[in-house]
Amino acid sequence: MRLPALVWRKSARSESQSNCVELASLRDGGVAVRDSKLGGLSPVLALGRAGAVALRDAVKRGAFEPA
């Protein structure tokens, strides 16, 4: 998948921690996600609108919090 030039924003919750992600909005309503430590060298996970909504909802309910 070829991505256009994206405007990346870092998660406000990342602050100075080393486990950080950056997000960019996609034209179809989806999002692209990358590792902020690697910047432009990071692999990019591109999610369509449904995937972006599912990811957001899972984060909100704490699905990725350590046990």
PDB file of N, CA and C in Angstrom:
ATOM      1  N   MET A   1       0.844  -1.175   0.000  1.00  0.00           N
ATOM      2  CA  MET A   1       0.000   0.000   0.000  1.00  0.00           C
ATOM      3  C   MET A   1       0.887   1.234   0.000  1.00  0.00           C
ATOM      4  N   ARG A   2       0.684   2.108  -0.940  1.00  0.00           N
ATOM      5  CA  ARG A   2       1.456   3.347  -1.022  1.00  0.00           C
ATOM      6  C   ARG A   2       0.677   4.438  -0.287  1.00  0.00           C
ATOM      7  N   LEU A   3       1.333   5.055   0.692  1.00  0.00           N
ATOM      8  CA  LEU A   3       0.681   6.098   1.479  1.00  0.00           C
ATOM      9  C   LEU A   3       1.119   7.474   0.983  1.00  0.00           C
ATOM     10  N   PRO A   4       0.178   8.413   0.932  1.00  0.00           N
ATOM     11  CA  PRO A   4       0.552   9.790   0.576  1.00  0.00           C
ATOM     12  C   PRO A   4       1.359  10.407   1.715  1.00  0.00           C
ATOM     13  N   ALA A   5       1.878  11.594   1.496  1.00  0.00           N
ATOM     14  CA  ALA A   5       2.565  12.311   2.581  1.00  0.00           C
ATOM     15  C   ALA A   5       1.567  12.473   3.725  1.00  0.00           C
ATOM     16  N   LEU A   6       1.953  12.049   4.906  1.00  0.00           N
ATOM     17  CA  LEU A   6       1.046  12.071   6.054  1.00  0.00           C
ATOM     18  C   LEU A   6       1.516  13.077   7.096  1.00  0.00           C
ATOM     19  N   VAL A   7       0.565  13.623   7.829  1.00  0.00           N
ATOM     20  CA  VAL A   7       0.865  14.505   8.953  1.00  0.00           C
ATOM     21  C   VAL A   7       0.759  13.653  10.211  1.00  0.00           C
ATOM     22  N   TRP A   8       1.889  13.389  10.845  1.00  0.00           N
ATOM     23  CA  TRP A   8       1.936  12.524  12.021  1.00  0.00           C
ATOM     24  C   TRP A   8       1.774  13.338  13.290  1.00  0.00           C
ATOM     25  N   ARG A   9       1.065  12.761  14.257  1.00  0.00           N
ATOM     26  CA  ARG A   9       0.950  13.384  15.575  1.00  0.00           C
ATOM     27  C   ARG A   9       1.218  12.313  16.630  1.00  0.00           C
ATOM     28  N   LYS A  10       1.935  12.714  17.648  1.00  0.00           N
ATOM     29  CA  LYS A  10       2.311  11.796  18.715  1.00  0.00           C
ATOM     30  C   LYS A  10       1.203  11.752  19.752  1.00  0.00           C
ATOM     31  N   SER A  11       0.975  10.588  20.304  1.00  0.00           N
ATOM     32  CA  SER A  11      -0.023  10.430  21.351  1.00  0.00           C
ATOM     33  C   SER A  11       0.297  11.344  22.524  1.00  0.00           C
ATOM     34  N   ALA A  12      -0.696  12.077  23.012  1.00  0.00           N
ATOM     35  CA  ALA A  12      -0.503  12.958  24.158  1.00  0.00           C
ATOM     36  C   ALA A  12      -0.132  12.161  25.409  1.00  0.00           C
ATOM     37  N   ARG A  13      -0.508  10.905  25.455  1.00  0.00           N
ATOM     38  CA  ARG A  13      -0.196  10.061  26.612  1.00  0.00           C
ATOM     39  C   ARG A  13       1.231   9.535  26.576  1.00  0.00           C
ATOM     40  N   SER A  14       1.908   9.681  25.447  1.00  0.00           N
ATOM     41  CA  SER A  14       3.273   9.171  25.317  1.00  0.00           C
ATOM     42  C   SER A  14       4.263   9.977  26.134  1.00  0.00           C
ATOM     43  N   GLU A  15       4.119  11.292  26.128  1.00  0.00           N
ATOM     44  CA  GLU A  15       5.021  12.196  26.818  1.00  0.00           C
ATOM     45  C   GLU A  15       6.468  11.780  26.583  1.00  0.00           C
ATOM     46  N   SER A  16       7.242  11.538  27.629  1.00  0.00           N
ATOM     47  CA  SER A  16       8.655  11.193  27.446  1.00  0.00           C
ATOM     48  C   SER A  16       8.916   9.693  27.595  1.00  0.00           C
ATOM     49  N   GLN A  17       7.880   8.903  27.650  1.00  0.00           N
ATOM     50  CA  GLN A  17       8.052   7.459  27.792  1.00  0.00           C
ATOM     51  C   GLN A  17       8.616   6.878  26.497  1.00  0.00           C
ATOM     52  N   SER A  18       9.222   5.712  26.585  1.00  0.00           N
ATOM     53  CA  SER A  18       9.839   5.125  25.397  1.00  0.00           C
ATOM     54  C   SER A  18       8.859   4.299  24.557  1.00  0.00           C
ATOM     55  N   ASN A  19       7.691   3.990  25.076  1.00  0.00           N
ATOM     56  CA  ASN A  19       6.700   3.217  24.325  1.00  0.00           C
ATOM     57  C   ASN A  19       5.700   4.170  23.693  1.00  0.00           C
ATOM     58  N   CYS A  20       6.050   4.731  22.548  1.00  0.00           N
ATOM     59  CA  CYS A  20       5.246   5.781  21.941  1.00  0.00           C
ATOM     60  C   CYS A  20       4.776   5.399  20.553  1.00  0.00           C
ATOM     61  N   VAL A  21       3.635   5.919  20.194  1.00  0.00           N
ATOM     62  CA  VAL A  21       3.126   5.745  18.840  1.00  0.00           C
ATOM     63  C   VAL A  21       2.776   7.108  18.262  1.00  0.00           C
ATOM     64  N   GLU A  22       2.769   7.169  16.941  1.00  0.00           N
ATOM     65  CA  GLU A  22       2.309   8.354  16.231  1.00  0.00           C
ATOM     66  C   GLU A  22       1.168   7.918  15.330  1.00  0.00           C
ATOM     67  N   LEU A  23       0.212   8.800  15.142  1.00  0.00           N
ATOM     68  CA  LEU A  23      -0.953   8.520  14.305  1.00  0.00           C
ATOM     69  C   LEU A  23      -1.045   9.553  13.194  1.00  0.00           C
ATOM     70  N   ALA A  24      -1.589   9.126  12.068  1.00  0.00           N
ATOM     71  CA  ALA A  24      -1.871  10.041  10.964  1.00  0.00           C
ATOM     72  C   ALA A  24      -3.230   9.670  10.397  1.00  0.00           C
ATOM     73  N   SER A  25      -4.041  10.673  10.098  1.00  0.00           N
ATOM     74  CA  SER A  25      -5.359  10.431   9.511  1.00  0.00           C
ATOM     75  C   SER A  25      -5.225  10.073   8.033  1.00  0.00           C
ATOM     76  N   LEU A  26      -6.032   9.127   7.604  1.00  0.00           N
ATOM     77  CA  LEU A  26      -6.074   8.737   6.195  1.00  0.00           C
ATOM     78  C   LEU A  26      -7.349   9.285   5.558  1.00  0.00           C
ATOM     79  N   ARG A  27      -7.333   9.455   4.269  1.00  0.00           N
ATOM     80  CA  ARG A  27      -8.479  10.043   3.556  1.00  0.00           C
ATOM     81  C   ARG A  27      -9.778   9.258   3.716  1.00  0.00           C
ATOM     82  N   ASP A  28      -9.664   7.939   3.880  1.00  0.00           N
ATOM     83  CA  ASP A  28     -10.872   7.111   3.970  1.00  0.00           C
ATOM     84  C   ASP A  28     -11.474   7.079   5.370  1.00  0.00           C
ATOM     85  N   GLY A  29     -10.920   7.887   6.290  1.00  0.00           N
ATOM     86  CA  GLY A  29     -11.412   7.886   7.663  1.00  0.00           C
ATOM     87  C   GLY A  29     -10.625   6.956   8.558  1.00  0.00           C
ATOM     88  N   GLY A  30      -9.667   6.260   7.997  1.00  0.00           N
ATOM     89  CA  GLY A  30      -8.830   5.362   8.776  1.00  0.00           C
ATOM     90  C   GLY A  30      -7.655   6.092   9.385  1.00  0.00           C
ATOM     91  N   VAL A  31      -6.742   5.327   9.949  1.00  0.00           N
ATOM     92  CA  VAL A  31      -5.537   5.896  10.535  1.00  0.00           C
ATOM     93  C   VAL A  31      -4.325   5.060  10.162  1.00  0.00           C
ATOM     94  N   ALA A  32      -3.179   5.704  10.176  1.00  0.00           N
ATOM     95  CA  ALA A  32      -1.893   5.029  10.044  1.00  0.00           C
ATOM     96  C   ALA A  32      -1.216   5.148  11.402  1.00  0.00           C
ATOM     97  N   VAL A  33      -0.518   4.097  11.810  1.00  0.00           N
ATOM     98  CA  VAL A  33       0.131   4.052  13.115  1.00  0.00           C
ATOM     99  C   VAL A  33       1.589   3.663  12.906  1.00  0.00           C
ATOM    100  N   ARG A  34       2.495   4.355  13.613  1.00  0.00           N
ATOM    101  CA  ARG A  34       3.916   3.988  13.534  1.00  0.00           C
ATOM    102  C   ARG A  34       4.578   4.211  14.891  1.00  0.00           C
ATOM    103  N   ASP A  35       5.769   3.636  15.047  1.00  0.00           N
ATOM    104  CA  ASP A  35       6.579   3.778  16.254  1.00  0.00           C
ATOM    105  C   ASP A  35       7.288   5.126  16.205  1.00  0.00           C
ATOM    106  N   SER A  36       7.042   5.983  17.185  1.00  0.00           N
ATOM    107  CA  SER A  36       7.631   7.327  17.154  1.00  0.00           C
ATOM    108  C   SER A  36       9.150   7.304  17.320  1.00  0.00           C
ATOM    109  N   LYS A  37       9.684   6.274  17.978  1.00  0.00           N
ATOM    110  CA  LYS A  37      11.137   6.206  18.160  1.00  0.00           C
ATOM    111  C   LYS A  37      11.852   6.043  16.827  1.00  0.00           C
ATOM    112  N   LEU A  38      11.218   5.377  15.865  1.00  0.00           N
ATOM    113  CA  LEU A  38      11.836   5.115  14.565  1.00  0.00           C
ATOM    114  C   LEU A  38      11.473   6.162  13.522  1.00  0.00           C
ATOM    115  N   GLY A  39      10.440   6.959  13.802  1.00  0.00           N
ATOM    116  CA  GLY A  39      10.026   8.004  12.861  1.00  0.00           C
ATOM    117  C   GLY A  39       9.794   7.463  11.458  1.00  0.00           C
ATOM    118  N   GLY A  40      10.417   8.092  10.479  1.00  0.00           N
ATOM    119  CA  GLY A  40      10.238   7.700   9.085  1.00  0.00           C
ATOM    120  C   GLY A  40      10.764   6.324   8.743  1.00  0.00           C
ATOM    121  N   LEU A  41      11.552   5.718   9.612  1.00  0.00           N
ATOM    122  CA  LEU A  41      12.061   4.363   9.370  1.00  0.00           C
ATOM    123  C   LEU A  41      11.122   3.287   9.906  1.00  0.00           C
ATOM    124  N   SER A  42      10.089   3.696  10.636  1.00  0.00           N
ATOM    125  CA  SER A  42       9.166   2.743  11.249  1.00  0.00           C
ATOM    126  C   SER A  42       8.253   2.103  10.213  1.00  0.00           C
ATOM    127  N   PRO A  43       7.975   0.814  10.377  1.00  0.00           N
ATOM    128  CA  PRO A  43       6.899   0.222   9.573  1.00  0.00           C
ATOM    129  C   PRO A  43       5.598   0.945   9.935  1.00  0.00           C
ATOM    130  N   VAL A  44       4.675   1.001   8.992  1.00  0.00           N
ATOM    131  CA  VAL A  44       3.404   1.694   9.205  1.00  0.00           C
ATOM    132  C   VAL A  44       2.268   0.688   9.135  1.00  0.00           C
ATOM    133  N   LEU A  45       1.409   0.724  10.130  1.00  0.00           N
ATOM    134  CA  LEU A  45       0.187  -0.075  10.139  1.00  0.00           C
ATOM    135  C   LEU A  45      -0.940   0.843   9.688  1.00  0.00           C
ATOM    136  N   ALA A  46      -1.545   0.538   8.543  1.00  0.00           N
ATOM    137  CA  ALA A  46      -2.644   1.351   8.023  1.00  0.00           C
ATOM    138  C   ALA A  46      -3.956   0.615   8.270  1.00  0.00           C
ATOM    139  N   LEU A  47      -4.880   1.291   8.956  1.00  0.00           N
ATOM    140  CA  LEU A  47      -6.181   0.715   9.277  1.00  0.00           C
ATOM    141  C   LEU A  47      -7.270   1.494   8.557  1.00  0.00           C
ATOM    142  N   GLY A  48      -8.211   0.778   7.953  1.00  0.00           N
ATOM    143  CA  GLY A  48      -9.369   1.424   7.374  1.00  0.00           C
ATOM    144  C   GLY A  48     -10.256   1.969   8.483  1.00  0.00           C
ATOM    145  N   ARG A  49     -11.339   2.606   8.103  1.00  0.00           N
ATOM    146  CA  ARG A  49     -12.224   3.244   9.097  1.00  0.00           C
ATOM    147  C   ARG A  49     -12.723   2.252  10.153  1.00  0.00           C
ATOM    148  N   ALA A  50     -13.203   1.090   9.736  1.00  0.00           N
ATOM    149  CA  ALA A  50     -13.724   0.108  10.693  1.00  0.00           C
ATOM    150  C   ALA A  50     -12.628  -0.374  11.633  1.00  0.00           C
ATOM    151  N   GLY A  51     -11.436  -0.605  11.109  1.00  0.00           N
ATOM    152  CA  GLY A  51     -10.316  -1.036  11.939  1.00  0.00           C
ATOM    153  C   GLY A  51      -9.887   0.041  12.912  1.00  0.00           C
ATOM    154  N   ALA A  52      -9.911   1.295  12.454  1.00  0.00           N
ATOM    155  CA  ALA A  52      -9.540   2.418  13.322  1.00  0.00           C
ATOM    156  C   ALA A  52     -10.529   2.552  14.475  1.00  0.00           C
ATOM    157  N   VAL A  53     -11.809   2.404  14.190  1.00  0.00           N
ATOM    158  CA  VAL A  53     -12.840   2.490  15.231  1.00  0.00           C
ATOM    159  C   VAL A  53     -12.679   1.334  16.217  1.00  0.00           C
ATOM    160  N   ALA A  54     -12.423   0.127  15.711  1.00  0.00           N
ATOM    161  CA  ALA A  54     -12.235  -1.035  16.587  1.00  0.00           C
ATOM    162  C   ALA A  54     -11.002  -0.855  17.476  1.00  0.00           C
ATOM    163  N   LEU A  55      -9.909  -0.326  16.917  1.00  0.00           N
ATOM    164  CA  LEU A  55      -8.707  -0.077  17.713  1.00  0.00           C
ATOM    165  C   LEU A  55      -8.985   0.965  18.787  1.00  0.00           C
ATOM    166  N   ARG A  56      -9.619   2.058  18.427  1.00  0.00           N
ATOM    167  CA  ARG A  56      -9.946   3.111  19.393  1.00  0.00           C
ATOM    168  C   ARG A  56     -10.784   2.552  20.537  1.00  0.00           C
ATOM    169  N   ASP A  57     -11.810   1.782  20.198  1.00  0.00           N
ATOM    170  CA  ASP A  57     -12.694   1.226  21.225  1.00  0.00           C
ATOM    171  C   ASP A  57     -11.949   0.258  22.146  1.00  0.00           C
ATOM    172  N   ALA A  58     -11.049  -0.550  21.575  1.00  0.00           N
ATOM    173  CA  ALA A  58     -10.281  -1.486  22.383  1.00  0.00           C
ATOM    174  C   ALA A  58      -9.343  -0.748  23.338  1.00  0.00           C
ATOM    175  N   VAL A  59      -8.717   0.331  22.867  1.00  0.00           N
ATOM    176  CA  VAL A  59      -7.832   1.125  23.729  1.00  0.00           C
ATOM    177  C   VAL A  59      -8.641   1.752  24.858  1.00  0.00           C
ATOM    178  N   LYS A  60      -9.815   2.296  24.524  1.00  0.00           N
ATOM    179  CA  LYS A  60     -10.647   2.925  25.549  1.00  0.00           C
ATOM    180  C   LYS A  60     -11.087   1.961  26.637  1.00  0.00           C
ATOM    181  N   ARG A  61     -11.319   0.708  26.280  1.00  0.00           N
ATOM    182  CA  ARG A  61     -11.752  -0.242  27.321  1.00  0.00           C
ATOM    183  C   ARG A  61     -10.581  -0.950  27.994  1.00  0.00           C
ATOM    184  N   GLY A  62      -9.348  -0.549  27.648  1.00  0.00           N
ATOM    185  CA  GLY A  62      -8.167  -1.073  28.335  1.00  0.00           C
ATOM    186  C   GLY A  62      -7.695  -2.430  27.873  1.00  0.00           C
ATOM    187  N   ALA A  63      -8.052  -2.819  26.664  1.00  0.00           N
ATOM    188  CA  ALA A  63      -7.731  -4.139  26.158  1.00  0.00           C
ATOM    189  C   ALA A  63      -6.213  -4.389  26.042  1.00  0.00           C
ATOM    190  N   PHE A  64      -5.412  -3.342  25.995  1.00  0.00           N
ATOM    191  CA  PHE A  64      -3.976  -3.513  25.799  1.00  0.00           C
ATOM    192  C   PHE A  64      -3.156  -3.201  27.047  1.00  0.00           C
ATOM    193  N   GLU A  65      -3.833  -3.013  28.162  1.00  0.00           N
ATOM    194  CA  GLU A  65      -3.138  -2.755  29.415  1.00  0.00           C
ATOM    195  C   GLU A  65      -2.469  -4.049  29.900  1.00  0.00           C
ATOM    196  N   PRO A  66      -1.276  -3.941  30.484  1.00  0.00           N
ATOM    197  CA  PRO A  66      -0.620  -5.145  31.002  1.00  0.00           C
ATOM    198  C   PRO A  66      -1.454  -5.811  32.093  1.00  0.00           C
ATOM    199  N   ALA A  67      -1.391  -7.113  32.135  1.00  0.00           N
ATOM    200  CA  ALA A  67      -2.166  -7.857  33.128  1.00  0.00           C
ATOM    201  C   ALA A  67      -1.568  -7.750  34.495  1.00  0.00           C
TER     202      ALA A  67
END
